[in-house]
Amino acid sequence: MLFVVIFTIACIIYIINDIVPIFEKKEWKLFWTYIVVMGFAYVLAVMIAFGIKIPSPAGPLKMIVTMIFRI
């Protein structure tokens, strides 16, 4: 639970320092990219903190690389 609180505080600091100026400059593509990535990272961090097992992407990535490079 402490990890979630610390990560939330870090996200808020990041939003204030980096995302608010981007919003004020009206750089919408960059703004929404940051929001989506930050949201995805936050959801993953909370899931890991609560003990939810997240499958590793190593297997599918290995299959894709093998398929592309024919190794």
N, C-alpha and C. Protein backbone atom coordinates (compact mmCIF):
# COMPACT_ATOMS: atom_id res chain seq x y z
N MET A 1 0.82 -1.19 0.00
CA MET A 1 0.00 0.00 0.00
C MET A 1 0.86 1.26 0.00
N LEU A 2 1.99 1.20 0.69
CA LEU A 2 2.89 2.34 0.73
C LEU A 2 3.41 2.66 -0.67
N PHE A 3 3.68 1.61 -1.45
CA PHE A 3 4.15 1.81 -2.82
C PHE A 3 3.14 2.59 -3.64
N VAL A 4 1.86 2.29 -3.49
CA VAL A 4 0.82 2.98 -4.25
C VAL A 4 0.80 4.46 -3.88
N VAL A 5 0.93 4.76 -2.59
CA VAL A 5 0.92 6.16 -2.14
C VAL A 5 2.13 6.91 -2.70
N ILE A 6 3.30 6.30 -2.61
CA ILE A 6 4.52 6.94 -3.11
C ILE A 6 4.44 7.12 -4.63
N PHE A 7 3.96 6.11 -5.32
CA PHE A 7 3.84 6.21 -6.78
C PHE A 7 2.82 7.27 -7.18
N THR A 8 1.74 7.38 -6.43
CA THR A 8 0.73 8.40 -6.70
C THR A 8 1.32 9.80 -6.52
N ILE A 9 2.09 9.99 -5.45
CA ILE A 9 2.73 11.29 -5.22
C ILE A 9 3.71 11.60 -6.35
N ALA A 10 4.48 10.61 -6.78
CA ALA A 10 5.42 10.80 -7.89
C ALA A 10 4.67 11.17 -9.17
N CYS A 11 3.54 10.52 -9.42
CA CYS A 11 2.74 10.84 -10.61
C CYS A 11 2.20 12.26 -10.55
N ILE A 12 1.73 12.68 -9.40
CA ILE A 12 1.20 14.03 -9.25
C ILE A 12 2.30 15.07 -9.49
N ILE A 13 3.49 14.83 -8.94
CA ILE A 13 4.61 15.74 -9.16
C ILE A 13 4.96 15.79 -10.65
N TYR A 14 4.97 14.64 -11.30
CA TYR A 14 5.27 14.58 -12.73
C TYR A 14 4.22 15.34 -13.53
N ILE A 15 2.96 15.17 -13.18
CA ILE A 15 1.89 15.86 -13.89
C ILE A 15 2.04 17.37 -13.75
N ILE A 16 2.32 17.83 -12.54
CA ILE A 16 2.45 19.26 -12.30
C ILE A 16 3.64 19.84 -13.06
N ASN A 17 4.77 19.13 -13.04
CA ASN A 17 5.99 19.65 -13.66
C ASN A 17 6.03 19.50 -15.18
N ASP A 18 5.48 18.44 -15.70
CA ASP A 18 5.64 18.17 -17.13
C ASP A 18 4.36 18.26 -17.95
N ILE A 19 3.27 17.76 -17.43
CA ILE A 19 2.07 17.67 -18.25
C ILE A 19 1.27 18.97 -18.26
N VAL A 20 1.25 19.69 -17.16
CA VAL A 20 0.51 20.97 -17.13
C VAL A 20 1.09 21.97 -18.13
N PRO A 21 2.42 22.15 -18.21
CA PRO A 21 2.94 23.07 -19.24
C PRO A 21 2.60 22.64 -20.67
N ILE A 22 2.59 21.34 -20.92
CA ILE A 22 2.22 20.85 -22.25
C ILE A 22 0.76 21.18 -22.53
N PHE A 23 -0.09 21.05 -21.52
CA PHE A 23 -1.51 21.40 -21.67
C PHE A 23 -1.67 22.88 -21.95
N GLU A 24 -0.90 23.71 -21.24
CA GLU A 24 -1.01 25.16 -21.43
C GLU A 24 -0.52 25.60 -22.81
N LYS A 25 0.46 24.87 -23.38
CA LYS A 25 0.94 25.17 -24.72
C LYS A 25 0.01 24.63 -25.80
N LYS A 26 -0.97 23.85 -25.39
CA LYS A 26 -1.95 23.24 -26.28
C LYS A 26 -1.32 22.30 -27.31
N GLU A 27 -0.35 21.52 -26.84
CA GLU A 27 0.25 20.48 -27.67
C GLU A 27 -0.52 19.19 -27.40
N TRP A 28 -1.63 19.03 -28.10
CA TRP A 28 -2.60 17.99 -27.74
C TRP A 28 -2.10 16.58 -27.99
N LYS A 29 -1.38 16.34 -29.06
CA LYS A 29 -0.89 14.98 -29.33
C LYS A 29 0.05 14.52 -28.23
N LEU A 30 0.99 15.38 -27.87
CA LEU A 30 1.94 15.05 -26.82
C LEU A 30 1.23 14.91 -25.47
N PHE A 31 0.27 15.79 -25.22
CA PHE A 31 -0.48 15.74 -23.97
C PHE A 31 -1.21 14.41 -23.82
N TRP A 32 -1.94 13.99 -24.84
CA TRP A 32 -2.72 12.76 -24.74
C TRP A 32 -1.80 11.53 -24.73
N THR A 33 -0.67 11.61 -25.42
CA THR A 33 0.29 10.51 -25.35
C THR A 33 0.79 10.32 -23.93
N TYR A 34 1.18 11.43 -23.29
CA TYR A 34 1.63 11.36 -21.90
C TYR A 34 0.54 10.83 -20.98
N ILE A 35 -0.68 11.29 -21.16
CA ILE A 35 -1.79 10.86 -20.30
C ILE A 35 -2.04 9.36 -20.44
N VAL A 36 -2.04 8.86 -21.67
CA VAL A 36 -2.29 7.43 -21.90
C VAL A 36 -1.17 6.58 -21.30
N VAL A 37 0.07 6.98 -21.54
CA VAL A 37 1.19 6.21 -21.01
C VAL A 37 1.21 6.26 -19.48
N MET A 38 0.97 7.44 -18.92
CA MET A 38 0.93 7.59 -17.46
C MET A 38 -0.21 6.76 -16.86
N GLY A 39 -1.36 6.77 -17.49
CA GLY A 39 -2.48 5.97 -17.00
C GLY A 39 -2.18 4.49 -17.05
N PHE A 40 -1.58 4.04 -18.13
CA PHE A 40 -1.22 2.63 -18.27
C PHE A 40 -0.21 2.22 -17.20
N ALA A 41 0.81 3.06 -16.99
CA ALA A 41 1.82 2.76 -15.98
C ALA A 41 1.21 2.76 -14.58
N TYR A 42 0.29 3.67 -14.32
CA TYR A 42 -0.34 3.74 -13.01
C TYR A 42 -1.19 2.50 -12.73
N VAL A 43 -1.96 2.10 -13.72
CA VAL A 43 -2.80 0.90 -13.56
C VAL A 43 -1.93 -0.34 -13.32
N LEU A 44 -0.85 -0.47 -14.09
CA LEU A 44 0.05 -1.61 -13.89
C LEU A 44 0.69 -1.58 -12.51
N ALA A 45 1.11 -0.41 -12.06
CA ALA A 45 1.75 -0.30 -10.74
C ALA A 45 0.77 -0.68 -9.62
N VAL A 46 -0.47 -0.24 -9.74
CA VAL A 46 -1.47 -0.57 -8.72
C VAL A 46 -1.78 -2.07 -8.74
N MET A 47 -1.87 -2.65 -9.93
CA MET A 47 -2.13 -4.08 -10.02
C MET A 47 -0.99 -4.89 -9.39
N ILE A 48 0.24 -4.49 -9.66
CA ILE A 48 1.39 -5.19 -9.08
C ILE A 48 1.39 -5.01 -7.57
N ALA A 49 1.07 -3.82 -7.08
CA ALA A 49 1.07 -3.55 -5.64
C ALA A 49 0.03 -4.40 -4.92
N PHE A 50 -1.09 -4.67 -5.57
CA PHE A 50 -2.14 -5.47 -4.93
C PHE A 50 -1.97 -6.96 -5.18
N GLY A 51 -0.86 -7.35 -5.81
CA GLY A 51 -0.56 -8.76 -5.97
C GLY A 51 -1.23 -9.45 -7.14
N ILE A 52 -1.74 -8.70 -8.07
CA ILE A 52 -2.35 -9.30 -9.26
C ILE A 52 -1.24 -9.72 -10.20
N LYS A 53 -1.27 -10.96 -10.62
CA LYS A 53 -0.22 -11.49 -11.49
C LYS A 53 -0.45 -10.99 -12.91
N ILE A 54 0.58 -10.36 -13.45
CA ILE A 54 0.52 -9.83 -14.81
C ILE A 54 1.39 -10.73 -15.68
N PRO A 55 0.84 -11.27 -16.76
CA PRO A 55 1.63 -12.17 -17.60
C PRO A 55 2.80 -11.45 -18.27
N SER A 56 3.89 -12.16 -18.41
CA SER A 56 5.08 -11.60 -19.03
C SER A 56 4.89 -11.53 -20.54
N PRO A 57 5.33 -10.44 -21.15
CA PRO A 57 5.23 -10.33 -22.61
C PRO A 57 6.41 -11.01 -23.32
N ALA A 58 7.29 -11.69 -22.59
CA ALA A 58 8.48 -12.28 -23.19
C ALA A 58 8.14 -13.36 -24.22
N GLY A 59 7.18 -14.20 -23.91
CA GLY A 59 6.80 -15.28 -24.84
C GLY A 59 6.28 -14.76 -26.17
N PRO A 60 5.25 -13.91 -26.16
CA PRO A 60 4.76 -13.38 -27.43
C PRO A 60 5.80 -12.54 -28.19
N LEU A 61 6.63 -11.78 -27.47
CA LEU A 61 7.67 -10.99 -28.14
C LEU A 61 8.70 -11.89 -28.81
N LYS A 62 9.06 -12.97 -28.15
CA LYS A 62 10.02 -13.91 -28.73
C LYS A 62 9.43 -14.52 -30.00
N MET A 63 8.15 -14.86 -29.96
CA MET A 63 7.49 -15.44 -31.12
C MET A 63 7.46 -14.43 -32.28
N ILE A 64 7.19 -13.16 -31.99
CA ILE A 64 7.14 -12.14 -33.04
C ILE A 64 8.52 -11.93 -33.64
N VAL A 65 9.56 -11.83 -32.80
CA VAL A 65 10.92 -11.64 -33.31
C VAL A 65 11.35 -12.83 -34.13
N THR A 66 11.03 -14.02 -33.68
CA THR A 66 11.37 -15.23 -34.44
C THR A 66 10.67 -15.24 -35.79
N MET A 67 9.42 -14.82 -35.81
CA MET A 67 8.66 -14.80 -37.03
C MET A 67 9.21 -13.75 -38.01
N ILE A 68 9.63 -12.60 -37.50
CA ILE A 68 10.16 -11.54 -38.36
C ILE A 68 11.52 -11.90 -38.92
N PHE A 69 12.43 -12.37 -38.07
CA PHE A 69 13.80 -12.62 -38.49
C PHE A 69 14.07 -14.06 -38.91
N ARG A 70 13.09 -14.92 -38.79
CA ARG A 70 13.21 -16.34 -39.18
C ARG A 70 14.42 -17.01 -38.54
N ILE A 71 14.59 -16.78 -37.25
CA ILE A 71 15.73 -17.35 -36.52
C ILE A 71 15.41 -18.77 -36.13
